[in-house]
Amino acid sequence: MKTKLFLLLTPILLSCFALLPIARAAPSPSNVNVVNTTASPVPVRDVDNPARQPFEAQGMGGFADGASTTGDITIATVPAGKLLVIEHVSVLGTMIPGQKMIRAPIFGLSHVVGLKRETEVKEYGDNADGTTDYFIASASVRFYANPGALRCFAERNSVAGANPDSVTFTISGYLVDCPTCVP
């Protein structure tokens, strides 16, 4: 008798739980209204835009003995029909003790919004045995580069001693199609 009662009440009890609001499917989508003033707009970014092709590149160079600059370092070449939007730039310099990296500009940019083409280089410290001093620069930017070579160079405060492969530039952002962009 108890078994029959259990078999009869179990489906009834389960169907009661199925009717509870938490067991129902999610409600259908509805419009959301956001109210902000024009002085404080809501930031919007289309992160799923398939036209944006992620991009990251790195270039490395160094100082020859007797030179205060690295000479041109090619970071990347923007292909024809594309526009490169650079959103982050960083530079790492590993210098001979007593020398300082003082500048690290990027050129080959078609248009710059908001920031200058050169970020401030800061001394970061040295390694454990004191044989290398580190310098860094890093910035969120909005640079645009048309097709062609994107180059940079670094400058130090000395001409003494060779220091090969001592400067690394890294850029990241995205490529977008630009049929009118030509080298």
C-alpha atoms as a PDB file:
ATOM      1  CA  MET A   1       0.000   0.000   0.000  1.00  0.00           C
ATOM      2  CA  LYS A   2       2.779   2.418   0.905  1.00  0.00           C
ATOM      3  CA  THR A   3       4.550   1.665  -2.371  1.00  0.00           C
ATOM      4  CA  LYS A   4       1.411   2.387  -4.399  1.00  0.00           C
ATOM      5  CA  LEU A   5       0.855   5.645  -2.511  1.00  0.00           C
ATOM      6  CA  PHE A   6       4.494   6.659  -3.092  1.00  0.00           C
ATOM      7  CA  LEU A   7       4.237   5.891  -6.808  1.00  0.00           C
ATOM      8  CA  LEU A   8       1.025   7.919  -7.037  1.00  0.00           C
ATOM      9  CA  LEU A   9       2.241  10.964  -5.049  1.00  0.00           C
ATOM     10  CA  THR A  10       5.717  11.241  -6.629  1.00  0.00           C
ATOM     11  CA  PRO A  11       4.531  12.389 -10.118  1.00  0.00           C
ATOM     12  CA  ILE A  12       2.035  14.787  -8.532  1.00  0.00           C
ATOM     13  CA  LEU A  13       4.719  16.293  -6.308  1.00  0.00           C
ATOM     14  CA  LEU A  14       7.182  16.626  -9.216  1.00  0.00           C
ATOM     15  CA  SER A  15       4.587  18.351 -11.386  1.00  0.00           C
ATOM     16  CA  CYS A  16       3.980  20.873  -8.573  1.00  0.00           C
ATOM     17  CA  PHE A  17       7.707  21.770  -8.550  1.00  0.00           C
ATOM     18  CA  ALA A  18       7.630  22.178 -12.333  1.00  0.00           C
ATOM     19  CA  LEU A  19       4.958  24.860 -11.934  1.00  0.00           C
ATOM     20  CA  LEU A  20       7.048  26.967  -9.536  1.00  0.00           C
ATOM     21  CA  PRO A  21       8.422  30.280 -10.983  1.00  0.00           C
ATOM     22  CA  ILE A  22      12.081  29.251 -10.506  1.00  0.00           C
ATOM     23  CA  ALA A  23      11.578  26.158 -12.673  1.00  0.00           C
ATOM     24  CA  ARG A  24      10.201  28.113 -15.635  1.00  0.00           C
ATOM     25  CA  ALA A  25      12.270  29.221 -18.619  1.00  0.00           C
ATOM     26  CA  ALA A  26      13.768  32.714 -18.646  1.00  0.00           C
ATOM     27  CA  PRO A  27      11.405  35.485 -19.704  1.00  0.00           C
ATOM     28  CA  SER A  28      11.556  36.709 -23.269  1.00  0.00           C
ATOM     29  CA  PRO A  29      13.922  39.636 -23.994  1.00  0.00           C
ATOM     30  CA  SER A  30      12.647  43.132 -23.381  1.00  0.00           C
ATOM     31  CA  ASN A  31      13.917  46.633 -24.093  1.00  0.00           C
ATOM     32  CA  VAL A  32      16.104  48.369 -21.541  1.00  0.00           C
ATOM     33  CA  ASN A  33      16.070  52.144 -21.299  1.00  0.00           C
ATOM     34  CA  VAL A  34      19.160  53.884 -19.963  1.00  0.00           C
ATOM     35  CA  VAL A  35      18.711  57.505 -19.038  1.00  0.00           C
ATOM     36  CA  ASN A  36      21.813  59.708 -18.950  1.00  0.00           C
ATOM     37  CA  THR A  37      22.411  63.346 -19.662  1.00  0.00           C
ATOM     38  CA  THR A  38      24.428  64.463 -22.690  1.00  0.00           C
ATOM     39  CA  ALA A  39      27.094  65.661 -20.254  1.00  0.00           C
ATOM     40  CA  SER A  40      27.505  62.105 -18.972  1.00  0.00           C
ATOM     41  CA  PRO A  41      26.872  59.705 -21.867  1.00  0.00           C
ATOM     42  CA  VAL A  42      26.918  55.951 -21.488  1.00  0.00           C
ATOM     43  CA  PRO A  43      30.147  54.491 -22.945  1.00  0.00           C
ATOM     44  CA  VAL A  44      29.417  52.025 -25.729  1.00  0.00           C
ATOM     45  CA  ARG A  45      31.817  49.665 -27.466  1.00  0.00           C
ATOM     46  CA  ASP A  46      31.036  47.007 -30.037  1.00  0.00           C
ATOM     47  CA  VAL A  47      33.307  44.211 -28.806  1.00  0.00           C
ATOM     48  CA  ASP A  48      31.809  41.622 -31.133  1.00  0.00           C
ATOM     49  CA  ASN A  49      32.439  43.588 -34.329  1.00  0.00           C
ATOM     50  CA  PRO A  50      33.851  41.045 -36.802  1.00  0.00           C
ATOM     51  CA  ALA A  51      35.514  43.850 -38.777  1.00  0.00           C
ATOM     52  CA  ARG A  52      38.080  44.217 -35.985  1.00  0.00           C
ATOM     53  CA  GLN A  53      41.007  41.853 -36.446  1.00  0.00           C
ATOM     54  CA  PRO A  54      43.166  41.625 -33.292  1.00  0.00           C
ATOM     55  CA  PHE A  55      46.758  42.705 -33.842  1.00  0.00           C
ATOM     56  CA  GLU A  56      49.967  42.603 -31.814  1.00  0.00           C
ATOM     57  CA  ALA A  57      53.527  43.112 -32.985  1.00  0.00           C
ATOM     58  CA  GLN A  58      56.953  43.462 -31.455  1.00  0.00           C
ATOM     59  CA  GLY A  59      60.184  44.969 -32.741  1.00  0.00           C
ATOM     60  CA  MET A  60      63.651  44.779 -31.221  1.00  0.00           C
ATOM     61  CA  GLY A  61      66.826  46.764 -31.759  1.00  0.00           C
ATOM     62  CA  GLY A  62      69.951  47.882 -30.034  1.00  0.00           C
ATOM     63  CA  PHE A  63      72.733  50.455 -29.836  1.00  0.00           C
ATOM     64  CA  ALA A  64      75.968  50.152 -31.796  1.00  0.00           C
ATOM     65  CA  ASP A  65      79.220  51.275 -30.153  1.00  0.00           C
ATOM     66  CA  GLY A  66      79.514  55.013 -30.712  1.00  0.00           C
ATOM     67  CA  ALA A  67      75.794  55.519 -31.436  1.00  0.00           C
ATOM     68  CA  SER A  68      73.320  57.353 -29.255  1.00  0.00           C
ATOM     69  CA  THR A  69      70.268  56.019 -31.173  1.00  0.00           C
ATOM     70  CA  THR A  70      69.228  52.567 -32.306  1.00  0.00           C
ATOM     71  CA  GLY A  71      68.387  53.586 -35.844  1.00  0.00           C
ATOM     72  CA  ASP A  72      65.042  52.627 -37.329  1.00  0.00           C
ATOM     73  CA  ILE A  73      63.384  49.543 -35.836  1.00  0.00           C
ATOM     74  CA  THR A  74      60.470  48.198 -37.877  1.00  0.00           C
ATOM     75  CA  ILE A  75      57.718  47.048 -35.527  1.00  0.00           C
ATOM     76  CA  ALA A  76      55.233  45.938 -38.187  1.00  0.00           C
ATOM     77  CA  THR A  77      54.051  46.534 -41.719  1.00  0.00           C
ATOM     78  CA  VAL A  78      50.381  47.415 -42.105  1.00  0.00           C
ATOM     79  CA  PRO A  79      49.010  45.613 -45.199  1.00  0.00           C
ATOM     80  CA  ALA A  80      47.368  47.467 -48.087  1.00  0.00           C
ATOM     81  CA  GLY A  81      43.621  47.845 -47.658  1.00  0.00           C
ATOM     82  CA  LYS A  82      43.868  47.897 -43.842  1.00  0.00           C
ATOM     83  CA  LEU A  83      44.027  50.571 -41.154  1.00  0.00           C
ATOM     84  CA  LEU A  84      45.808  49.718 -37.906  1.00  0.00           C
ATOM     85  CA  VAL A  85      44.254  51.131 -34.748  1.00  0.00           C
ATOM     86  CA  ILE A  86      46.885  50.995 -32.001  1.00  0.00           C
ATOM     87  CA  GLU A  87      45.448  50.940 -28.487  1.00  0.00           C
ATOM     88  CA  HIS A  88      48.524  50.135 -26.404  1.00  0.00           C
ATOM     89  CA  VAL A  89      52.235  50.864 -26.729  1.00  0.00           C
ATOM     90  CA  SER A  90      55.027  49.642 -24.472  1.00  0.00           C
ATOM     91  CA  VAL A  91      58.818  49.863 -24.539  1.00  0.00           C
ATOM     92  CA  LEU A  92      61.392  47.955 -22.489  1.00  0.00           C
ATOM     93  CA  GLY A  93      65.015  49.056 -22.500  1.00  0.00           C
ATOM     94  CA  THR A  94      67.841  47.027 -20.952  1.00  0.00           C
ATOM     95  CA  MET A  95      70.765  49.401 -20.641  1.00  0.00           C
ATOM     96  CA  ILE A  96      74.402  49.215 -19.621  1.00  0.00           C
ATOM     97  CA  PRO A  97      74.765  50.520 -16.024  1.00  0.00           C
ATOM     98  CA  GLY A  98      75.073  54.285 -15.929  1.00  0.00           C
ATOM     99  CA  GLN A  99      73.303  54.766 -19.272  1.00  0.00           C
ATOM    100  CA  LYS A 100      69.716  55.908 -19.616  1.00  0.00           C
ATOM    101  CA  MET A 101      67.156  55.412 -22.344  1.00  0.00           C
ATOM    102  CA  ILE A 102      65.789  58.923 -22.795  1.00  0.00           C
ATOM    103  CA  ARG A 103      63.380  58.727 -25.759  1.00  0.00           C
ATOM    104  CA  ALA A 104      61.389  56.137 -27.665  1.00  0.00           C
ATOM    105  CA  PRO A 105      59.161  57.699 -30.359  1.00  0.00           C
ATOM    106  CA  ILE A 106      57.048  55.811 -32.892  1.00  0.00           C
ATOM    107  CA  PHE A 107      56.629  57.154 -36.406  1.00  0.00           C
ATOM    108  CA  GLY A 108      54.748  56.133 -39.529  1.00  0.00           C
ATOM    109  CA  LEU A 109      51.441  57.079 -37.897  1.00  0.00           C
ATOM    110  CA  SER A 110      48.832  58.871 -39.961  1.00  0.00           C
ATOM    111  CA  HIS A 111      46.784  60.426 -37.187  1.00  0.00           C
ATOM    112  CA  VAL A 112      47.056  60.625 -33.428  1.00  0.00           C
ATOM    113  CA  VAL A 113      44.111  61.236 -31.120  1.00  0.00           C
ATOM    114  CA  GLY A 114      44.559  62.368 -27.545  1.00  0.00           C
ATOM    115  CA  LEU A 115      48.216  61.620 -26.858  1.00  0.00           C
ATOM    116  CA  LYS A 116      51.589  62.416 -28.297  1.00  0.00           C
ATOM    117  CA  ARG A 117      53.507  59.826 -30.300  1.00  0.00           C
ATOM    118  CA  GLU A 118      56.092  59.448 -27.574  1.00  0.00           C
ATOM    119  CA  THR A 119      55.516  58.003 -24.114  1.00  0.00           C
ATOM    120  CA  GLU A 120      57.530  58.980 -21.064  1.00  0.00           C
ATOM    121  CA  VAL A 121      60.441  56.627 -20.404  1.00  0.00           C
ATOM    122  CA  LYS A 122      60.958  55.843 -16.718  1.00  0.00           C
ATOM    123  CA  GLU A 123      63.793  54.129 -14.893  1.00  0.00           C
ATOM    124  CA  TYR A 124      62.549  50.848 -13.440  1.00  0.00           C
ATOM    125  CA  GLY A 125      65.556  49.495 -11.548  1.00  0.00           C
ATOM    126  CA  ASP A 126      68.361  47.035 -12.184  1.00  0.00           C
ATOM    127  CA  ASN A 127      68.952  43.314 -12.091  1.00  0.00           C
ATOM    128  CA  ALA A 128      70.296  41.458  -9.065  1.00  0.00           C
ATOM    129  CA  ASP A 129      73.972  41.633  -9.996  1.00  0.00           C
ATOM    130  CA  GLY A 130      73.837  45.264 -11.158  1.00  0.00           C
ATOM    131  CA  THR A 131      74.859  44.557 -14.771  1.00  0.00           C
ATOM    132  CA  THR A 132      71.653  45.851 -16.399  1.00  0.00           C
ATOM    133  CA  ASP A 133      69.457  48.891 -15.765  1.00  0.00           C
ATOM    134  CA  TYR A 134      65.821  48.652 -16.893  1.00  0.00           C
ATOM    135  CA  PHE A 135      63.725  51.433 -18.438  1.00  0.00           C
ATOM    136  CA  ILE A 136      60.054  51.187 -19.368  1.00  0.00           C
ATOM    137  CA  ALA A 137      57.353  53.185 -21.092  1.00  0.00           C
ATOM    138  CA  SER A 138      53.749  52.067 -21.388  1.00  0.00           C
ATOM    139  CA  ALA A 139      50.573  53.858 -22.414  1.00  0.00           C
ATOM    140  CA  SER A 140      47.012  53.328 -23.548  1.00  0.00           C
ATOM    141  CA  VAL A 141      46.740  55.303 -26.775  1.00  0.00           C
ATOM    142  CA  ARG A 142      44.625  55.758 -29.881  1.00  0.00           C
ATOM    143  CA  PHE A 143      46.967  55.878 -32.883  1.00  0.00           C
ATOM    144  CA  TYR A 144      46.047  55.168 -36.493  1.00  0.00           C
ATOM    145  CA  ALA A 145      48.558  53.773 -38.980  1.00  0.00           C
ATOM    146  CA  ASN A 146      47.948  53.562 -42.730  1.00  0.00           C
ATOM    147  CA  PRO A 147      49.453  50.770 -44.832  1.00  0.00           C
ATOM    148  CA  GLY A 148      53.236  50.660 -44.791  1.00  0.00           C
ATOM    149  CA  ALA A 149      56.048  50.273 -42.299  1.00  0.00           C
ATOM    150  CA  LEU A 150      55.534  51.311 -38.687  1.00  0.00           C
ATOM    151  CA  ARG A 151      58.908  52.231 -37.243  1.00  0.00           C
ATOM    152  CA  CYS A 152      60.443  53.489 -34.037  1.00  0.00           C
ATOM    153  CA  PHE A 153      63.815  54.163 -32.478  1.00  0.00           C
ATOM    154  CA  ALA A 154      65.275  54.688 -29.045  1.00  0.00           C
ATOM    155  CA  GLU A 155      67.821  57.191 -27.811  1.00  0.00           C
ATOM    156  CA  ARG A 156      70.255  56.909 -24.917  1.00  0.00           C
ATOM    157  CA  ASN A 157      72.318  59.475 -23.055  1.00  0.00           C
ATOM    158  CA  SER A 158      75.659  57.997 -24.125  1.00  0.00           C
ATOM    159  CA  VAL A 159      77.621  56.748 -27.139  1.00  0.00           C
ATOM    160  CA  ALA A 160      79.884  54.385 -25.189  1.00  0.00           C
ATOM    161  CA  GLY A 161      79.630  50.642 -25.666  1.00  0.00           C
ATOM    162  CA  ALA A 162      77.587  48.376 -27.889  1.00  0.00           C
ATOM    163  CA  ASN A 163      74.259  47.237 -26.461  1.00  0.00           C
ATOM    164  CA  PRO A 164      72.610  44.902 -29.042  1.00  0.00           C
ATOM    165  CA  ASP A 165      68.971  43.791 -28.757  1.00  0.00           C
ATOM    166  CA  SER A 166      68.459  46.090 -25.817  1.00  0.00           C
ATOM    167  CA  VAL A 167      65.178  47.808 -26.763  1.00  0.00           C
ATOM    168  CA  THR A 168      61.840  46.044 -27.330  1.00  0.00           C
ATOM    169  CA  PHE A 169      58.760  47.878 -28.641  1.00  0.00           C
ATOM    170  CA  THR A 170      55.336  46.185 -28.405  1.00  0.00           C
ATOM    171  CA  ILE A 171      52.090  47.481 -29.890  1.00  0.00           C
ATOM    172  CA  SER A 172      48.592  46.027 -29.760  1.00  0.00           C
ATOM    173  CA  GLY A 173      45.258  46.969 -31.227  1.00  0.00           C
ATOM    174  CA  TYR A 174      43.288  45.843 -34.246  1.00  0.00           C
ATOM    175  CA  LEU A 175      43.167  46.037 -38.031  1.00  0.00           C
ATOM    176  CA  VAL A 176      40.056  47.201 -39.879  1.00  0.00           C
ATOM    177  CA  ASP A 177      39.270  46.973 -43.566  1.00  0.00           C
ATOM    178  CA  CYS A 178      39.944  50.230 -45.392  1.00  0.00           C
ATOM    179  CA  PRO A 179      39.590  49.906 -49.193  1.00  0.00           C
ATOM    180  CA  THR A 180      40.874  53.461 -49.690  1.00  0.00           C
ATOM    181  CA  CYS A 181      43.989  52.929 -47.553  1.00  0.00           C
ATOM    182  CA  VAL A 182      47.066  52.502 -49.722  1.00  0.00           C
ATOM    183  CA  PRO A 183      50.774  52.594 -48.894  1.00  0.00           C
END
